[in-house]
N, C-alpha and C. Protein backbone atom coordinates (compact mmCIF):
# COMPACT_ATOMS: atom_id res chain seq x y z
N MET A 1 37.89 -74.76 37.78
CA MET A 1 36.46 -74.44 37.04
C MET A 1 35.19 -74.67 37.27
N ASP A 2 34.04 -74.31 36.99
CA ASP A 2 32.94 -74.89 37.52
C ASP A 2 32.12 -75.92 36.26
N GLY A 3 32.75 -75.88 35.18
CA GLY A 3 32.08 -76.69 34.10
C GLY A 3 31.26 -75.74 33.13
N ASN A 4 30.99 -74.63 33.49
CA ASN A 4 30.30 -73.73 32.66
C ASN A 4 31.20 -72.93 31.71
N HIS A 5 32.43 -73.04 31.99
CA HIS A 5 33.53 -72.33 30.96
C HIS A 5 34.29 -73.01 30.40
N HIS A 6 34.54 -72.74 29.01
CA HIS A 6 35.27 -73.41 28.21
C HIS A 6 36.71 -73.13 28.18
N SER A 7 37.74 -73.70 28.00
CA SER A 7 39.22 -73.29 27.93
C SER A 7 39.26 -72.76 26.53
N HIS A 8 39.66 -71.74 25.85
CA HIS A 8 40.05 -71.13 24.72
C HIS A 8 41.10 -70.41 24.69
N GLU A 9 41.97 -70.89 23.75
CA GLU A 9 43.28 -70.37 23.52
C GLU A 9 43.16 -69.05 22.55
N HIS A 10 43.74 -67.95 23.07
CA HIS A 10 43.43 -66.78 22.28
C HIS A 10 44.37 -66.83 20.98
N GLY A 11 44.00 -66.04 19.76
CA GLY A 11 44.88 -66.18 18.80
C GLY A 11 44.71 -67.31 17.83
N GLU A 12 43.96 -68.13 18.22
CA GLU A 12 43.85 -69.33 17.35
C GLU A 12 42.35 -69.09 16.40
N LYS A 13 42.41 -69.53 15.32
CA LYS A 13 41.22 -69.40 14.31
C LYS A 13 40.75 -70.45 13.87
N GLY A 14 39.23 -70.66 13.91
CA GLY A 14 38.89 -71.94 13.20
C GLY A 14 39.25 -72.32 11.88
N ALA A 15 38.85 -73.19 11.27
CA ALA A 15 39.13 -73.66 10.00
C ALA A 15 38.60 -72.50 8.61
N HIS A 16 37.58 -71.88 9.20
CA HIS A 16 37.33 -71.08 8.10
C HIS A 16 37.33 -69.58 8.64
N GLU A 17 37.68 -69.28 9.62
CA GLU A 17 37.51 -67.82 10.25
C GLU A 17 38.90 -67.03 9.28
N GLY A 18 38.46 -65.75 9.18
CA GLY A 18 39.49 -64.85 8.63
C GLY A 18 39.86 -65.03 6.97
N LYS A 19 39.15 -65.92 6.32
CA LYS A 19 39.47 -65.92 5.22
C LYS A 19 38.32 -65.37 4.08
N GLY A 20 38.90 -64.79 3.07
CA GLY A 20 37.81 -64.33 2.21
C GLY A 20 37.16 -65.14 0.99
N LYS A 21 36.73 -64.63 -0.13
CA LYS A 21 35.98 -65.71 -0.93
C LYS A 21 37.19 -66.57 -2.00
N ASN A 22 38.40 -65.97 -1.82
CA ASN A 22 39.34 -66.78 -2.55
C ASN A 22 40.31 -67.63 -1.45
N GLY A 23 39.61 -67.81 -0.37
CA GLY A 23 40.35 -68.92 0.59
C GLY A 23 41.46 -68.46 1.42
N GLY A 24 41.80 -66.96 1.25
CA GLY A 24 42.64 -66.19 1.99
C GLY A 24 43.92 -66.21 1.33
N GLY A 25 43.96 -66.82 0.08
CA GLY A 25 45.35 -66.83 -0.66
C GLY A 25 45.48 -65.79 -1.48
N SER A 26 46.43 -65.29 -2.05
CA SER A 26 46.63 -64.27 -3.06
C SER A 26 46.72 -65.09 -4.24
N LYS A 27 46.67 -64.33 -5.50
CA LYS A 27 46.12 -65.03 -6.82
C LYS A 27 47.79 -64.75 -7.26
N GLY A 28 48.68 -64.00 -6.74
CA GLY A 28 49.95 -63.76 -7.46
C GLY A 28 49.97 -62.74 -8.18
N PRO A 29 51.42 -62.31 -9.02
CA PRO A 29 51.57 -61.26 -9.65
C PRO A 29 51.01 -61.54 -11.08
N GLY A 30 50.44 -60.45 -11.89
CA GLY A 30 49.87 -60.64 -13.22
C GLY A 30 48.39 -60.83 -13.02
N GLY A 31 47.60 -60.90 -14.08
CA GLY A 31 46.42 -61.04 -14.29
C GLY A 31 45.59 -59.69 -14.05
N PHE A 32 44.51 -59.73 -14.03
CA PHE A 32 43.53 -58.54 -14.26
C PHE A 32 42.75 -58.48 -13.19
N CYS A 33 42.13 -57.11 -13.09
CA CYS A 33 41.16 -56.75 -11.97
C CYS A 33 39.75 -56.75 -12.92
N ALA A 34 38.72 -56.88 -12.54
CA ALA A 34 37.43 -57.07 -13.47
C ALA A 34 36.44 -56.32 -12.75
N CYS A 35 35.40 -55.60 -13.36
CA CYS A 35 34.39 -55.13 -12.65
C CYS A 35 33.22 -56.29 -12.95
N HIS A 36 32.51 -56.65 -12.07
CA HIS A 36 31.48 -57.41 -12.03
C HIS A 36 30.18 -56.89 -12.87
N ALA A 37 29.96 -55.43 -12.87
CA ALA A 37 28.84 -54.91 -13.17
C ALA A 37 29.02 -54.54 -14.71
N CYS A 38 30.17 -54.16 -15.23
CA CYS A 38 30.29 -53.93 -16.49
C CYS A 38 31.29 -54.73 -17.46
N GLY A 39 32.13 -55.40 -16.76
CA GLY A 39 33.27 -56.42 -17.55
C GLY A 39 34.35 -55.61 -17.81
N THR A 40 34.78 -54.24 -17.48
CA THR A 40 35.72 -53.65 -17.54
C THR A 40 37.05 -54.29 -17.09
N ARG A 41 38.10 -54.50 -17.55
CA ARG A 41 39.12 -55.07 -17.09
C ARG A 41 40.37 -54.05 -17.04
N VAL A 42 41.16 -54.18 -15.77
CA VAL A 42 42.33 -53.32 -15.58
C VAL A 42 43.41 -54.36 -15.08
N GLU A 43 44.80 -54.04 -15.60
CA GLU A 43 45.97 -54.93 -15.13
C GLU A 43 45.97 -54.95 -13.83
N HIS A 44 46.23 -56.00 -13.04
CA HIS A 44 46.46 -56.15 -11.68
C HIS A 44 47.78 -55.76 -11.39
N ILE A 45 47.82 -54.82 -10.20
CA ILE A 45 49.23 -54.38 -9.81
C ILE A 45 49.62 -55.24 -8.34
N GLN A 46 50.87 -55.78 -8.67
CA GLN A 46 51.03 -56.66 -7.40
C GLN A 46 51.21 -55.65 -6.28
N GLY A 47 50.45 -56.28 -5.13
CA GLY A 47 50.75 -55.76 -3.94
C GLY A 47 49.20 -54.99 -3.50
N VAL A 48 48.58 -54.58 -4.65
CA VAL A 48 47.35 -53.82 -4.58
C VAL A 48 46.14 -54.75 -4.68
N LYS A 49 45.38 -55.25 -3.63
CA LYS A 49 44.06 -55.94 -3.97
C LYS A 49 42.96 -55.06 -4.89
N CYS A 50 42.47 -55.91 -5.66
CA CYS A 50 41.48 -55.43 -6.65
C CYS A 50 40.39 -54.97 -6.02
N THR A 51 39.96 -55.45 -4.80
CA THR A 51 38.75 -54.92 -3.86
C THR A 51 38.91 -53.54 -3.54
N THR A 52 40.22 -52.96 -3.62
CA THR A 52 40.15 -51.82 -3.12
C THR A 52 40.22 -50.78 -4.32
N LEU A 53 40.10 -51.21 -5.49
CA LEU A 53 40.01 -50.53 -6.64
C LEU A 53 38.50 -50.20 -7.28
N HIS A 54 38.09 -49.22 -7.74
CA HIS A 54 36.93 -48.90 -8.41
C HIS A 54 36.89 -48.63 -9.74
N CYS A 55 36.04 -49.23 -10.41
CA CYS A 55 35.93 -49.20 -11.94
C CYS A 55 36.18 -47.91 -12.54
N PRO A 56 37.14 -47.79 -13.55
CA PRO A 56 37.14 -46.65 -14.03
C PRO A 56 35.89 -46.37 -14.88
N ASN A 57 35.39 -47.13 -15.50
CA ASN A 57 34.07 -47.09 -16.45
C ASN A 57 32.66 -46.84 -15.42
N CYS A 58 32.26 -47.42 -14.66
CA CYS A 58 31.20 -47.34 -13.93
C CYS A 58 31.13 -47.15 -12.46
N GLY A 59 32.33 -47.23 -11.51
CA GLY A 59 32.75 -46.90 -10.33
C GLY A 59 32.37 -48.14 -9.33
N HIS A 60 31.88 -49.16 -9.94
CA HIS A 60 31.49 -50.36 -8.75
C HIS A 60 33.12 -50.79 -8.59
N LYS A 61 32.75 -51.67 -7.30
CA LYS A 61 34.21 -52.42 -6.79
C LYS A 61 34.69 -53.36 -7.87
N MET A 62 35.87 -53.37 -7.93
CA MET A 62 36.56 -54.38 -8.81
C MET A 62 36.73 -55.76 -8.23
N ILE A 63 37.10 -57.01 -8.73
CA ILE A 63 37.50 -58.04 -7.89
C ILE A 63 38.34 -58.80 -9.02
N ARG A 64 39.08 -59.71 -8.48
CA ARG A 64 40.09 -60.41 -9.21
C ARG A 64 39.43 -61.41 -10.16
N GLU A 65 39.85 -61.04 -11.60
CA GLU A 65 39.23 -61.86 -12.80
C GLU A 65 38.84 -63.26 -12.59
N GLU A 66 39.63 -63.87 -12.08
CA GLU A 66 39.88 -65.35 -11.87
C GLU A 66 38.55 -65.74 -10.92
N LEU A 67 38.23 -64.64 -10.03
CA LEU A 67 36.99 -65.01 -9.22
C LEU A 67 35.61 -64.79 -9.91
N LEU A 68 35.55 -64.09 -10.92
CA LEU A 68 34.62 -63.97 -11.71
C LEU A 68 34.12 -65.13 -12.74
N LYS A 69 35.19 -66.07 -12.82
CA LYS A 69 34.86 -67.26 -13.69
C LYS A 69 34.64 -68.63 -12.74
N LYS A 70 34.37 -68.25 -11.49
CA LYS A 70 33.94 -69.41 -10.65
C LYS A 70 32.55 -69.66 -10.74
């Protein structure tokens, strides 16, 4: 190598890559999904990310209720 190239192993991620707002960890079963716009809450369904749901009241994206309280 000529010194201008850095060796890089593919597949490794840095300390903060690939993680969402909750640090990449799931919040487990139970709990609620909540609308940040109007406050509507719906029961969280295990295996379904809250961010894939839209508020049945106003249509905004839902988030995990625990994240609203941060």
